[in-house]
């Protein structure tokens, strides 16, 4: 009788023929051998579909799903539909993992009977630049239902504040966690489409937290995240603040629908305003003309939703740099915000040179 895999690794694939082999080879080298590798071809227009089939012929642990293009969230759902592992994780097809990553993570999850185990990542670029995650914190386990529900709310905290004296950040990426498959299957937890709601990972994780009894955080980095200028999450998106508005309303419905007090909807507005600051920075450092930047800024900051969110949110609780930017955005002070944000961005970039 064939043993079920310890871990299912779901890899959504679209237009990544340049990077796919590095990703898949890192899975073939895993010291944990009892895995299944689920490659979901989201109707990729390059040679990726053929590459997937070739991998399956070389290694019987590989399953291939070819599907009509539907985006990242639905591609992951197609992988979940066939996953049989005790644990489930996700790997983006332009990234890779350390050879012993999943053996260490599954062993630690087994030892502590965890429903979820989160970990860290390193970032790198094709030109060789890399930044290593540094986090001075112990391995931590949370088993209080109240505490886990609090952690779920902090998914939407964009201020880089921490949960407790242990200073353990939550993180929202589904790629930097392993999940107990029985919970996903029993409650049919699935991803929404990122084409409808941005940050689909956060929604998936919020739902999983509600159903978890024990979770862990490990500050070690096993995942290597490629900063890919062609990826879905990068590039200038001038309508992203409007998309964040739609997403924020959805988060509010999730918070209230899961029995949280109405005061906790502040976390949703925290996400919205954080997204507004991030998009504004991207616009300010873009190649748009100064007149185009000013026109966009005044239109976005004058919207009824932004002004209401800014009026209701306790801006004084933000770290000082964010508070300064948020104050300028609230009062539609273009040149104040422009020079403040550009200067902060230059300082940050110089720190990583």
C-alpha atoms as a PDB file:
ATOM      1  CA  UNK A   1       0.000   0.000   0.000  1.00  0.00           C
ATOM      2  CA  UNK A   2       1.514   3.304  -1.128  1.00  0.00           C
ATOM      3  CA  UNK A   3       2.365   5.698   1.694  1.00  0.00           C
ATOM      4  CA  UNK A   4       0.797   9.148   1.528  1.00  0.00           C
ATOM      5  CA  UNK A   5       3.381  11.906   1.099  1.00  0.00           C
ATOM      6  CA  UNK A   6       4.567  13.787   4.144  1.00  0.00           C
ATOM      7  CA  UNK A   7       4.404  17.067   2.266  1.00  0.00           C
ATOM      8  CA  UNK A   8       2.648  18.362  -0.844  1.00  0.00           C
ATOM      9  CA  UNK A   9       4.457  21.259  -2.538  1.00  0.00           C
ATOM     10  CA  UNK A  10       2.219  23.232  -4.892  1.00  0.00           C
ATOM     11  CA  UNK A  11       4.014  25.234  -7.596  1.00  0.00           C
ATOM     12  CA  UNK A  12       1.856  27.524  -9.768  1.00  0.00           C
ATOM     13  CA  UNK A  13       3.580  28.105 -13.108  1.00  0.00           C
ATOM     14  CA  UNK A  14       3.161  30.879 -15.650  1.00  0.00           C
ATOM     15  CA  UNK A  15       5.757  32.321 -18.035  1.00  0.00           C
ATOM     16  CA  UNK A  16       8.836  31.413 -15.990  1.00  0.00           C
ATOM     17  CA  UNK A  17      10.843  29.158 -18.318  1.00  0.00           C
ATOM     18  CA  UNK A  18      13.978  31.149 -17.447  1.00  0.00           C
ATOM     19  CA  UNK A  19      13.709  30.289 -13.738  1.00  0.00           C
ATOM     20  CA  UNK A  20      11.677  27.096 -13.525  1.00  0.00           C
ATOM     21  CA  UNK A  21      14.532  24.595 -13.545  1.00  0.00           C
ATOM     22  CA  UNK A  22      16.294  26.229 -10.589  1.00  0.00           C
ATOM     23  CA  UNK A  23      13.030  26.029  -8.667  1.00  0.00           C
ATOM     24  CA  UNK A  24      12.281  22.382  -9.481  1.00  0.00           C
ATOM     25  CA  UNK A  25      15.848  21.166  -8.996  1.00  0.00           C
ATOM     26  CA  UNK A  26      15.755  22.564  -5.455  1.00  0.00           C
ATOM     27  CA  UNK A  27      12.741  20.293  -4.848  1.00  0.00           C
ATOM     28  CA  UNK A  28      14.416  17.248  -6.376  1.00  0.00           C
ATOM     29  CA  UNK A  29      17.350  17.796  -3.981  1.00  0.00           C
ATOM     30  CA  UNK A  30      15.182  17.858  -0.860  1.00  0.00           C
ATOM     31  CA  UNK A  31      16.536  15.620   1.887  1.00  0.00           C
ATOM     32  CA  UNK A  32      12.901  14.853   2.736  1.00  0.00           C
ATOM     33  CA  UNK A  33      12.178  12.290   0.039  1.00  0.00           C
ATOM     34  CA  UNK A  34       8.546  11.514   0.857  1.00  0.00           C
ATOM     35  CA  UNK A  35       7.068  14.518  -0.921  1.00  0.00           C
ATOM     36  CA  UNK A  36       4.771  15.150  -3.850  1.00  0.00           C
ATOM     37  CA  UNK A  37       5.518  18.023  -6.212  1.00  0.00           C
ATOM     38  CA  UNK A  38       2.378  19.440  -7.810  1.00  0.00           C
ATOM     39  CA  UNK A  39       3.135  21.590 -10.852  1.00  0.00           C
ATOM     40  CA  UNK A  40       0.136  23.665 -11.921  1.00  0.00           C
ATOM     41  CA  UNK A  41       0.538  24.966 -15.464  1.00  0.00           C
ATOM     42  CA  UNK A  42      -1.753  28.000 -15.638  1.00  0.00           C
ATOM     43  CA  UNK A  43      -1.829  27.906 -19.457  1.00  0.00           C
ATOM     44  CA  UNK A  44       1.706  29.264 -19.652  1.00  0.00           C
ATOM     45  CA  UNK A  45       2.494  30.674 -23.134  1.00  0.00           C
ATOM     46  CA  UNK A  46       6.149  29.559 -23.153  1.00  0.00           C
ATOM     47  CA  UNK A  47       7.812  26.133 -22.906  1.00  0.00           C
ATOM     48  CA  UNK A  48       6.783  25.634 -19.263  1.00  0.00           C
ATOM     49  CA  UNK A  49       3.954  23.151 -20.054  1.00  0.00           C
ATOM     50  CA  UNK A  50       6.419  20.838 -21.829  1.00  0.00           C
ATOM     51  CA  UNK A  51       8.988  21.306 -19.078  1.00  0.00           C
ATOM     52  CA  UNK A  52       6.401  20.237 -16.490  1.00  0.00           C
ATOM     53  CA  UNK A  53       5.617  17.047 -18.407  1.00  0.00           C
ATOM     54  CA  UNK A  54       9.343  16.297 -18.740  1.00  0.00           C
ATOM     55  CA  UNK A  55       9.795  16.621 -14.961  1.00  0.00           C
ATOM     56  CA  UNK A  56       6.926  14.195 -14.387  1.00  0.00           C
ATOM     57  CA  UNK A  57       8.548  11.622 -16.664  1.00  0.00           C
ATOM     58  CA  UNK A  58      11.821  11.918 -14.744  1.00  0.00           C
ATOM     59  CA  UNK A  59      10.392  11.700 -11.209  1.00  0.00           C
ATOM     60  CA  UNK A  60       7.217   9.874 -10.192  1.00  0.00           C
ATOM     61  CA  UNK A  61       6.733  12.248  -7.262  1.00  0.00           C
ATOM     62  CA  UNK A  62       5.723  14.956  -9.732  1.00  0.00           C
ATOM     63  CA  UNK A  63       2.066  15.563 -10.570  1.00  0.00           C
ATOM     64  CA  UNK A  64       1.183  17.972 -13.385  1.00  0.00           C
ATOM     65  CA  UNK A  65      -2.074  19.884 -13.678  1.00  0.00           C
ATOM     66  CA  UNK A  66      -2.710  21.748 -16.933  1.00  0.00           C
ATOM     67  CA  UNK A  67      -5.515  24.285 -16.625  1.00  0.00           C
ATOM     68  CA  UNK A  68      -7.033  27.310 -18.309  1.00  0.00           C
ATOM     69  CA  UNK A  69      -5.434  30.550 -17.202  1.00  0.00           C
ATOM     70  CA  UNK A  70      -7.103  31.874 -14.074  1.00  0.00           C
ATOM     71  CA  UNK A  71      -4.368  33.509 -12.033  1.00  0.00           C
ATOM     72  CA  UNK A  72      -2.234  32.576  -9.054  1.00  0.00           C
ATOM     73  CA  UNK A  73      -4.964  32.006  -6.473  1.00  0.00           C
ATOM     74  CA  UNK A  74      -6.995  29.638  -8.637  1.00  0.00           C
ATOM     75  CA  UNK A  75      -3.837  27.817  -9.753  1.00  0.00           C
ATOM     76  CA  UNK A  76      -3.054  27.092  -6.110  1.00  0.00           C
ATOM     77  CA  UNK A  77      -6.619  25.856  -5.637  1.00  0.00           C
ATOM     78  CA  UNK A  78      -6.132  23.399  -8.509  1.00  0.00           C
ATOM     79  CA  UNK A  79      -3.089  22.075  -6.657  1.00  0.00           C
ATOM     80  CA  UNK A  80      -5.015  21.804  -3.401  1.00  0.00           C
ATOM     81  CA  UNK A  81      -7.677  19.732  -5.163  1.00  0.00           C
ATOM     82  CA  UNK A  82      -5.174  16.908  -5.789  1.00  0.00           C
ATOM     83  CA  UNK A  83      -2.813  17.328  -2.802  1.00  0.00           C
ATOM     84  CA  UNK A  84      -2.526  14.287  -0.523  1.00  0.00           C
ATOM     85  CA  UNK A  85       0.231  15.352   1.864  1.00  0.00           C
ATOM     86  CA  UNK A  86       0.014  15.427   5.640  1.00  0.00           C
ATOM     87  CA  UNK A  87       1.355  18.966   5.302  1.00  0.00           C
ATOM     88  CA  UNK A  88       0.923  21.371   2.394  1.00  0.00           C
ATOM     89  CA  UNK A  89       3.053  24.287   1.270  1.00  0.00           C
ATOM     90  CA  UNK A  90       3.476  26.539  -1.756  1.00  0.00           C
ATOM     91  CA  UNK A  91       6.485  27.569  -3.795  1.00  0.00           C
ATOM     92  CA  UNK A  92       6.475  30.295  -6.429  1.00  0.00           C
ATOM     93  CA  UNK A  93       8.050  29.077  -9.637  1.00  0.00           C
ATOM     94  CA  UNK A  94      10.742  31.777  -9.837  1.00  0.00           C
ATOM     95  CA  UNK A  95      11.966  31.058  -6.297  1.00  0.00           C
ATOM     96  CA  UNK A  96      13.760  28.124  -4.662  1.00  0.00           C
ATOM     97  CA  UNK A  97      14.329  26.544  -1.236  1.00  0.00           C
ATOM     98  CA  UNK A  98      17.285  25.140   0.694  1.00  0.00           C
ATOM     99  CA  UNK A  99      17.933  21.417   0.214  1.00  0.00           C
ATOM    100  CA  UNK A 100      17.063  20.495   3.801  1.00  0.00           C
ATOM    101  CA  UNK A 101      14.237  23.011   4.226  1.00  0.00           C
ATOM    102  CA  UNK A 102      11.228  20.742   4.280  1.00  0.00           C
ATOM    103  CA  UNK A 103      12.835  17.963   6.315  1.00  0.00           C
ATOM    104  CA  UNK A 104      13.628  20.449   9.091  1.00  0.00           C
ATOM    105  CA  UNK A 105      10.218  22.118   8.942  1.00  0.00           C
ATOM    106  CA  UNK A 106       8.150  18.923   8.885  1.00  0.00           C
ATOM    107  CA  UNK A 107      10.182  17.411  11.720  1.00  0.00           C
ATOM    108  CA  UNK A 108       9.661  20.499  13.841  1.00  0.00           C
ATOM    109  CA  UNK A 109       5.934  20.550  13.051  1.00  0.00           C
ATOM    110  CA  UNK A 110       5.669  16.849  14.001  1.00  0.00           C
ATOM    111  CA  UNK A 111       7.641  17.287  17.200  1.00  0.00           C
ATOM    112  CA  UNK A 112       5.411  20.159  18.355  1.00  0.00           C
ATOM    113  CA  UNK A 113       2.143  18.926  16.787  1.00  0.00           C
ATOM    114  CA  UNK A 114       1.701  22.181  14.879  1.00  0.00           C
ATOM    115  CA  UNK A 115      -1.110  23.042  12.507  1.00  0.00           C
ATOM    116  CA  UNK A 116       1.038  25.744  10.906  1.00  0.00           C
ATOM    117  CA  UNK A 117       4.740  26.560  10.991  1.00  0.00           C
ATOM    118  CA  UNK A 118       5.930  29.883   9.585  1.00  0.00           C
ATOM    119  CA  UNK A 119       9.522  30.757   8.651  1.00  0.00           C
ATOM    120  CA  UNK A 120      11.565  33.489   6.973  1.00  0.00           C
ATOM    121  CA  UNK A 121      12.987  34.181   3.511  1.00  0.00           C
ATOM    122  CA  UNK A 122      16.000  35.765   1.879  1.00  0.00           C
ATOM    123  CA  UNK A 123      15.601  38.068  -1.133  1.00  0.00           C
ATOM    124  CA  UNK A 124      17.833  38.092  -4.198  1.00  0.00           C
ATOM    125  CA  UNK A 125      18.051  39.621  -7.676  1.00  0.00           C
ATOM    126  CA  UNK A 126      19.312  38.257 -10.965  1.00  0.00           C
ATOM    127  CA  UNK A 127      22.269  40.663 -10.830  1.00  0.00           C
ATOM    128  CA  UNK A 128      23.576  38.884  -7.725  1.00  0.00           C
ATOM    129  CA  UNK A 129      22.339  41.354  -5.121  1.00  0.00           C
ATOM    130  CA  UNK A 130      20.931  39.606  -2.064  1.00  0.00           C
ATOM    131  CA  UNK A 131      19.620  40.522   1.357  1.00  0.00           C
ATOM    132  CA  UNK A 132      19.659  37.998   4.152  1.00  0.00           C
ATOM    133  CA  UNK A 133      16.837  38.067   6.679  1.00  0.00           C
ATOM    134  CA  UNK A 134      18.143  38.843  10.155  1.00  0.00           C
ATOM    135  CA  UNK A 135      15.862  38.114  13.023  1.00  0.00           C
ATOM    136  CA  UNK A 136      17.028  37.655  16.563  1.00  0.00           C
ATOM    137  CA  UNK A 137      14.164  35.678  18.082  1.00  0.00           C
ATOM    138  CA  UNK A 138      13.609  32.168  19.417  1.00  0.00           C
ATOM    139  CA  UNK A 139      11.429  29.459  17.941  1.00  0.00           C
ATOM    140  CA  UNK A 140       7.992  30.145  19.410  1.00  0.00           C
ATOM    141  CA  UNK A 141       4.777  28.163  19.723  1.00  0.00           C
ATOM    142  CA  UNK A 142       1.289  29.583  20.294  1.00  0.00           C
ATOM    143  CA  UNK A 143      -1.572  27.370  21.458  1.00  0.00           C
ATOM    144  CA  UNK A 144      -4.001  29.848  23.002  1.00  0.00           C
ATOM    145  CA  UNK A 145      -7.026  30.310  20.755  1.00  0.00           C
ATOM    146  CA  UNK A 146      -7.309  33.933  21.832  1.00  0.00           C
ATOM    147  CA  UNK A 147      -3.674  34.555  20.968  1.00  0.00           C
ATOM    148  CA  UNK A 148      -3.972  32.870  17.563  1.00  0.00           C
ATOM    149  CA  UNK A 149      -7.023  34.979  16.722  1.00  0.00           C
ATOM    150  CA  UNK A 150      -5.037  38.075  17.683  1.00  0.00           C
ATOM    151  CA  UNK A 151      -2.192  36.970  15.424  1.00  0.00           C
ATOM    152  CA  UNK A 152      -4.687  36.643  12.566  1.00  0.00           C
ATOM    153  CA  UNK A 153      -5.604  40.312  12.919  1.00  0.00           C
ATOM    154  CA  UNK A 154      -1.955  41.352  12.788  1.00  0.00           C
ATOM    155  CA  UNK A 155      -1.747  39.958   9.264  1.00  0.00           C
ATOM    156  CA  UNK A 156      -3.222  43.297   8.218  1.00  0.00           C
ATOM    157  CA  UNK A 157      -0.906  45.479  10.314  1.00  0.00           C
ATOM    158  CA  UNK A 158       1.344  47.348   7.878  1.00  0.00           C
ATOM    159  CA  UNK A 159       3.391  49.177  10.505  1.00  0.00           C
ATOM    160  CA  UNK A 160       6.064  46.536  11.244  1.00  0.00           C
ATOM    161  CA  UNK A 161       4.970  46.386  14.864  1.00  0.00           C
ATOM    162  CA  UNK A 162       5.164  43.085  16.665  1.00  0.00           C
ATOM    163  CA  UNK A 163       2.815  40.852  18.549  1.00  0.00           C
ATOM    164  CA  UNK A 164       4.427  40.514  21.921  1.00  0.00           C
ATOM    165  CA  UNK A 165       7.620  40.797  23.914  1.00  0.00           C
ATOM    166  CA  UNK A 166       9.003  37.955  21.787  1.00  0.00           C
ATOM    167  CA  UNK A 167       8.785  40.291  18.767  1.00  0.00           C
ATOM    168  CA  UNK A 168       7.583  37.593  16.382  1.00  0.00           C
ATOM    169  CA  UNK A 169       6.222  39.056  13.128  1.00  0.00           C
ATOM    170  CA  UNK A 170       3.251  37.324  11.526  1.00  0.00           C
ATOM    171  CA  UNK A 171       3.991  37.423   7.813  1.00  0.00           C
ATOM    172  CA  UNK A 172       1.309  36.671   5.251  1.00  0.00           C
ATOM    173  CA  UNK A 173       2.963  34.699   2.459  1.00  0.00           C
ATOM    174  CA  UNK A 174       1.609  31.192   1.915  1.00  0.00           C
ATOM    175  CA  UNK A 175       5.027  30.185   0.576  1.00  0.00           C
ATOM    176  CA  UNK A 176       6.719  30.766   3.921  1.00  0.00           C
ATOM    177  CA  UNK A 177       4.640  28.318   5.923  1.00  0.00           C
ATOM    178  CA  UNK A 178       3.658  24.686   6.004  1.00  0.00           C
ATOM    179  CA  UNK A 179       0.019  23.868   6.787  1.00  0.00           C
ATOM    180  CA  UNK A 180      -1.710  20.771   8.156  1.00  0.00           C
ATOM    181  CA  UNK A 181      -3.509  19.294   5.178  1.00  0.00           C
ATOM    182  CA  UNK A 182      -6.342  17.813   7.248  1.00  0.00           C
ATOM    183  CA  UNK A 183      -7.516  21.315   8.244  1.00  0.00           C
ATOM    184  CA  UNK A 184      -7.415  22.613   4.670  1.00  0.00           C
ATOM    185  CA  UNK A 185      -9.349  19.591   3.440  1.00  0.00           C
ATOM    186  CA  UNK A 186     -11.899  19.385   6.255  1.00  0.00           C
ATOM    187  CA  UNK A 187     -12.913  23.037   5.980  1.00  0.00           C
ATOM    188  CA  UNK A 188     -12.226  23.407   2.237  1.00  0.00           C
ATOM    189  CA  UNK A 189      -9.986  26.441   2.740  1.00  0.00           C
ATOM    190  CA  UNK A 190      -9.237  27.968  -0.654  1.00  0.00           C
ATOM    191  CA  UNK A 191      -7.688  31.062  -2.196  1.00  0.00           C
ATOM    192  CA  UNK A 192      -9.704  33.902  -3.636  1.00  0.00           C
ATOM    193  CA  UNK A 193      -8.601  35.334  -6.973  1.00  0.00           C
ATOM    194  CA  UNK A 194      -5.933  38.027  -6.747  1.00  0.00           C
ATOM    195  CA  UNK A 195      -7.660  39.563  -9.771  1.00  0.00           C
ATOM    196  CA  UNK A 196     -10.614  40.297  -7.498  1.00  0.00           C
ATOM    197  CA  UNK A 197      -8.938  40.781  -4.107  1.00  0.00           C
ATOM    198  CA  UNK A 198      -5.281  41.764  -3.829  1.00  0.00           C
ATOM    199  CA  UNK A 199      -3.144  39.952  -1.223  1.00  0.00           C
ATOM    200  CA  UNK A 200      -5.006  36.661  -1.557  1.00  0.00           C
ATOM    201  CA  UNK A 201      -2.395  35.032   0.700  1.00  0.00           C
ATOM    202  CA  UNK A 202      -3.550  37.081   3.675  1.00  0.00           C
ATOM    203  CA  UNK A 203      -7.158  35.967   3.264  1.00  0.00           C
ATOM    204  CA  UNK A 204      -6.100  32.309   3.060  1.00  0.00           C
ATOM    205  CA  UNK A 205      -3.972  32.653   6.184  1.00  0.00           C
ATOM    206  CA  UNK A 206      -6.661  34.558   8.098  1.00  0.00           C
ATOM    207  CA  UNK A 207      -9.104  31.704   7.447  1.00  0.00           C
ATOM    208  CA  UNK A 208      -6.531  29.086   8.427  1.00  0.00           C
ATOM    209  CA  UNK A 209      -5.730  30.863  11.700  1.00  0.00           C
ATOM    210  CA  UNK A 210      -9.400  30.746  12.720  1.00  0.00           C
ATOM    211  CA  UNK A 211      -9.313  26.935  12.520  1.00  0.00           C
ATOM    212  CA  UNK A 212      -5.846  26.325  14.021  1.00  0.00           C
ATOM    213  CA  UNK A 213      -5.133  25.081  17.529  1.00  0.00           C
ATOM    214  CA  UNK A 214      -1.341  25.357  17.560  1.00  0.00           C
ATOM    215  CA  UNK A 215       1.052  27.377  15.406  1.00  0.00           C
ATOM    216  CA  UNK A 216       4.783  28.002  15.409  1.00  0.00           C
ATOM    217  CA  UNK A 217       7.252  30.655  14.243  1.00  0.00           C
ATOM    218  CA  UNK A 218      10.800  29.843  13.269  1.00  0.00           C
ATOM    219  CA  UNK A 219      13.069  32.853  12.520  1.00  0.00           C
ATOM    220  CA  UNK A 220      15.344  30.841  10.209  1.00  0.00           C
ATOM    221  CA  UNK A 221      15.351  31.484   6.447  1.00  0.00           C
ATOM    222  CA  UNK A 222      14.891  28.510   4.129  1.00  0.00           C
ATOM    223  CA  UNK A 223      13.124  30.206   1.237  1.00  0.00           C
ATOM    224  CA  UNK A 224      14.845  32.287  -1.457  1.00  0.00           C
ATOM    225  CA  UNK A 225      12.557  34.922  -2.930  1.00  0.00           C
ATOM    226  CA  UNK A 226      13.497  36.313  -6.335  1.00  0.00           C
ATOM    227  CA  UNK A 227      12.847  40.036  -6.709  1.00  0.00           C
ATOM    228  CA  UNK A 228      11.509  39.651 -10.232  1.00  0.00           C
ATOM    229  CA  UNK A 229      10.565  42.907 -12.002  1.00  0.00           C
ATOM    230  CA  UNK A 230       8.130  40.940 -14.188  1.00  0.00           C
ATOM    231  CA  UNK A 231       6.271  39.287 -11.315  1.00  0.00           C
ATOM    232  CA  UNK A 232       2.618  39.904 -10.499  1.00  0.00           C
ATOM    233  CA  UNK A 233       3.359  41.855  -7.329  1.00  0.00           C
ATOM    234  CA  UNK A 234       5.751  44.341  -8.921  1.00  0.00           C
ATOM    235  CA  UNK A 235       5.364  47.188 -11.348  1.00  0.00           C
ATOM    236  CA  UNK A 236       3.422  50.437 -11.231  1.00  0.00           C
ATOM    237  CA  UNK A 237      -0.315  49.948 -10.699  1.00  0.00           C
ATOM    238  CA  UNK A 238      -2.074  53.306 -10.646  1.00  0.00           C
ATOM    239  CA  UNK A 239      -5.419  51.785  -9.666  1.00  0.00           C
ATOM    240  CA  UNK A 240      -4.071  49.803  -6.732  1.00  0.00           C
ATOM    241  CA  UNK A 241      -5.444  52.125  -4.039  1.00  0.00           C
ATOM    242  CA  UNK A 242      -8.938  51.550  -5.437  1.00  0.00           C
ATOM    243  CA  UNK A 243      -8.289  47.800  -5.389  1.00  0.00           C
ATOM    244  CA  UNK A 244      -7.150  48.160  -1.770  1.00  0.00           C
ATOM    245  CA  UNK A 245     -10.488  49.821  -0.994  1.00  0.00           C
ATOM    246  CA  UNK A 246     -12.378  46.788  -2.343  1.00  0.00           C
ATOM    247  CA  UNK A 247     -10.055  44.468  -0.441  1.00  0.00           C
ATOM    248  CA  UNK A 248     -10.425  46.452   2.792  1.00  0.00           C
ATOM    249  CA  UNK A 249     -14.205  46.122   2.688  1.00  0.00           C
ATOM    250  CA  UNK A 250     -13.785  42.374   2.229  1.00  0.00           C
ATOM    251  CA  UNK A 251     -11.401  42.170   5.197  1.00  0.00           C
ATOM    252  CA  UNK A 252     -13.925  44.035   7.346  1.00  0.00           C
ATOM    253  CA  UNK A 253     -16.589  41.472   6.429  1.00  0.00           C
ATOM    254  CA  UNK A 254     -14.175  38.656   7.387  1.00  0.00           C
ATOM    255  CA  UNK A 255     -13.309  40.252  10.724  1.00  0.00           C
ATOM    256  CA  UNK A 256     -16.921  40.821  11.706  1.00  0.00           C
ATOM    257  CA  UNK A 257     -18.042  37.491  10.249  1.00  0.00           C
ATOM    258  CA  UNK A 258     -15.590  35.645  12.495  1.00  0.00           C
ATOM    259  CA  UNK A 259     -16.917  37.157  15.697  1.00  0.00           C
ATOM    260  CA  UNK A 260     -14.349  39.892  16.333  1.00  0.00           C
ATOM    261  CA  UNK A 261     -15.338  43.142  18.015  1.00  0.00           C
ATOM    262  CA  UNK A 262     -16.100  45.991  15.620  1.00  0.00           C
ATOM    263  CA  UNK A 263     -13.141  47.965  16.997  1.00  0.00           C
ATOM    264  CA  UNK A 264     -10.841  45.441  15.314  1.00  0.00           C
ATOM    265  CA  UNK A 265     -11.852  46.711  11.877  1.00  0.00           C
ATOM    266  CA  UNK A 266      -9.067  49.257  12.516  1.00  0.00           C
ATOM    267  CA  UNK A 267      -6.687  46.534  11.264  1.00  0.00           C
ATOM    268  CA  UNK A 268      -8.397  46.628   7.879  1.00  0.00           C
ATOM    269  CA  UNK A 269      -7.953  50.397   7.630  1.00  0.00           C
ATOM    270  CA  UNK A 270      -4.345  49.964   8.742  1.00  0.00           C
ATOM    271  CA  UNK A 271      -3.829  47.726   5.709  1.00  0.00           C
ATOM    272  CA  UNK A 272      -5.596  50.194   3.404  1.00  0.00           C
ATOM    273  CA  UNK A 273      -3.578  53.212   4.516  1.00  0.00           C
ATOM    274  CA  UNK A 274      -0.347  51.211   4.416  1.00  0.00           C
ATOM    275  CA  UNK A 275      -1.128  50.191   0.849  1.00  0.00           C
ATOM    276  CA  UNK A 276      -1.878  53.827  -0.017  1.00  0.00           C
ATOM    277  CA  UNK A 277       1.531  54.882   1.308  1.00  0.00           C
ATOM    278  CA  UNK A 278       3.277  52.090  -0.585  1.00  0.00           C
ATOM    279  CA  UNK A 279       1.582  52.854  -3.906  1.00  0.00           C
ATOM    280  CA  UNK A 280       2.247  56.569  -3.460  1.00  0.00           C
ATOM    281  CA  UNK A 281       5.946  55.852  -2.970  1.00  0.00           C
ATOM    282  CA  UNK A 282       6.002  53.713  -6.130  1.00  0.00           C
ATOM    283  CA  UNK A 283       4.352  56.503  -8.114  1.00  0.00           C
ATOM    284  CA  UNK A 284       6.743  59.139  -6.754  1.00  0.00           C
ATOM    285  CA  UNK A 285       9.876  57.158  -7.675  1.00  0.00           C
ATOM    286  CA  UNK A 286       8.486  56.163 -11.090  1.00  0.00           C
ATOM    287  CA  UNK A 287       9.296  57.696 -14.486  1.00  0.00           C
ATOM    288  CA  UNK A 288       6.021  59.636 -14.602  1.00  0.00           C
ATOM    289  CA  UNK A 289       6.397  63.400 -14.979  1.00  0.00           C
ATOM    290  CA  UNK A 290       6.029  65.614 -11.925  1.00  0.00           C
ATOM    291  CA  UNK A 291       2.727  66.943 -13.293  1.00  0.00           C
ATOM    292  CA  UNK A 292       1.402  63.397 -13.767  1.00  0.00           C
ATOM    293  CA  UNK A 293       2.444  62.449 -10.254  1.00  0.00           C
ATOM    294  CA  UNK A 294       0.749  65.519  -8.799  1.00  0.00           C
ATOM    295  CA  UNK A 295      -2.472  64.913 -10.726  1.00  0.00           C
ATOM    296  CA  UNK A 296      -2.592  61.260  -9.609  1.00  0.00           C
ATOM    297  CA  UNK A 297      -1.807  62.186  -5.994  1.00  0.00           C
ATOM    298  CA  UNK A 298      -4.538  64.825  -5.704  1.00  0.00           C
ATOM    299  CA  UNK A 299      -7.133  62.529  -7.292  1.00  0.00           C
ATOM    300  CA  UNK A 300      -6.336  59.619  -4.956  1.00  0.00           C
ATOM    301  CA  UNK A 301      -6.020  61.622  -1.755  1.00  0.00           C
ATOM    302  CA  UNK A 302      -9.272  63.492  -2.441  1.00  0.00           C
ATOM    303  CA  UNK A 303     -11.373  60.339  -2.670  1.00  0.00           C
ATOM    304  CA  UNK A 304     -14.161  60.048  -0.116  1.00  0.00           C
ATOM    305  CA  UNK A 305     -12.941  56.613   1.049  1.00  0.00           C
ATOM    306  CA  UNK A 306      -9.366  57.780   1.650  1.00  0.00           C
ATOM    307  CA  UNK A 307     -10.459  60.888   3.518  1.00  0.00           C
ATOM    308  CA  UNK A 308     -12.882  58.961   5.726  1.00  0.00           C
ATOM    309  CA  UNK A 309     -10.278  56.277   6.498  1.00  0.00           C
ATOM    310  CA  UNK A 310      -7.697  58.964   7.326  1.00  0.00           C
ATOM    311  CA  UNK A 311     -10.135  60.788   9.602  1.00  0.00           C
ATOM    312  CA  UNK A 312     -11.122  57.648  11.539  1.00  0.00           C
ATOM    313  CA  UNK A 313      -7.717  55.967  11.835  1.00  0.00           C
ATOM    314  CA  UNK A 314      -5.579  56.849  14.918  1.00  0.00           C
ATOM    315  CA  UNK A 315      -2.583  58.127  12.949  1.00  0.00           C
ATOM    316  CA  UNK A 316      -0.761  58.961  16.191  1.00  0.00           C
ATOM    317  CA  UNK A 317      -0.190  55.209  16.728  1.00  0.00           C
ATOM    318  CA  UNK A 318       1.949  54.908  13.576  1.00  0.00           C
ATOM    319  CA  UNK A 319       5.776  54.980  13.633  1.00  0.00           C
ATOM    320  CA  UNK A 320       6.978  58.537  13.078  1.00  0.00           C
ATOM    321  CA  UNK A 321       8.010  58.218   9.421  1.00  0.00           C
ATOM    322  CA  UNK A 322       4.706  56.675   8.469  1.00  0.00           C
ATOM    323  CA  UNK A 323       2.828  59.198  10.604  1.00  0.00           C
ATOM    324  CA  UNK A 324       4.581  62.054   8.817  1.00  0.00           C
ATOM    325  CA  UNK A 325       3.724  60.693   5.367  1.00  0.00           C
ATOM    326  CA  UNK A 326       0.160  59.875   6.375  1.00  0.00           C
ATOM    327  CA  UNK A 327      -0.388  63.386   7.732  1.00  0.00           C
ATOM    328  CA  UNK A 328       0.789  64.932   4.465  1.00  0.00           C
ATOM    329  CA  UNK A 329      -1.381  62.594   2.394  1.00  0.00           C
ATOM    330  CA  UNK A 330      -4.437  63.329   4.532  1.00  0.00           C
ATOM    331  CA  UNK A 331      -4.002  67.064   3.928  1.00  0.00           C
ATOM    332  CA  UNK A 332      -3.173  66.554   0.215  1.00  0.00           C
ATOM    333  CA  UNK A 333       0.220  68.266   0.549  1.00  0.00           C
ATOM    334  CA  UNK A 334       1.840  67.042  -2.654  1.00  0.00           C
ATOM    335  CA  UNK A 335       5.270  68.657  -2.459  1.00  0.00           C
ATOM    336  CA  UNK A 336       5.633  67.906   1.251  1.00  0.00           C
ATOM    337  CA  UNK A 337       4.823  64.220   0.640  1.00  0.00           C
ATOM    338  CA  UNK A 338       6.859  64.033  -2.542  1.00  0.00           C
ATOM    339  CA  UNK A 339      10.123  65.225  -1.053  1.00  0.00           C
ATOM    340  CA  UNK A 340       9.585  63.405   2.258  1.00  0.00           C
ATOM    341  CA  UNK A 341       8.901  60.047   0.609  1.00  0.00           C
ATOM    342  CA  UNK A 342      11.662  60.397  -2.011  1.00  0.00           C
ATOM    343  CA  UNK A 343      14.235  61.342   0.642  1.00  0.00           C
ATOM    344  CA  UNK A 344      13.255  58.435   2.905  1.00  0.00           C
ATOM    345  CA  UNK A 345      13.458  56.075  -0.073  1.00  0.00           C
ATOM    346  CA  UNK A 346      16.954  57.266  -1.006  1.00  0.00           C
ATOM    347  CA  UNK A 347      18.151  56.843   2.578  1.00  0.00           C
ATOM    348  CA  UNK A 348      16.746  53.307   2.680  1.00  0.00           C
ATOM    349  CA  UNK A 349      18.355  52.377  -0.635  1.00  0.00           C
ATOM    350  CA  UNK A 350      21.755  53.704   0.452  1.00  0.00           C
ATOM    351  CA  UNK A 351      21.609  51.526   3.560  1.00  0.00           C
ATOM    352  CA  UNK A 352      21.494  48.387   1.390  1.00  0.00           C
ATOM    353  CA  UNK A 353      24.304  49.338  -0.975  1.00  0.00           C
END
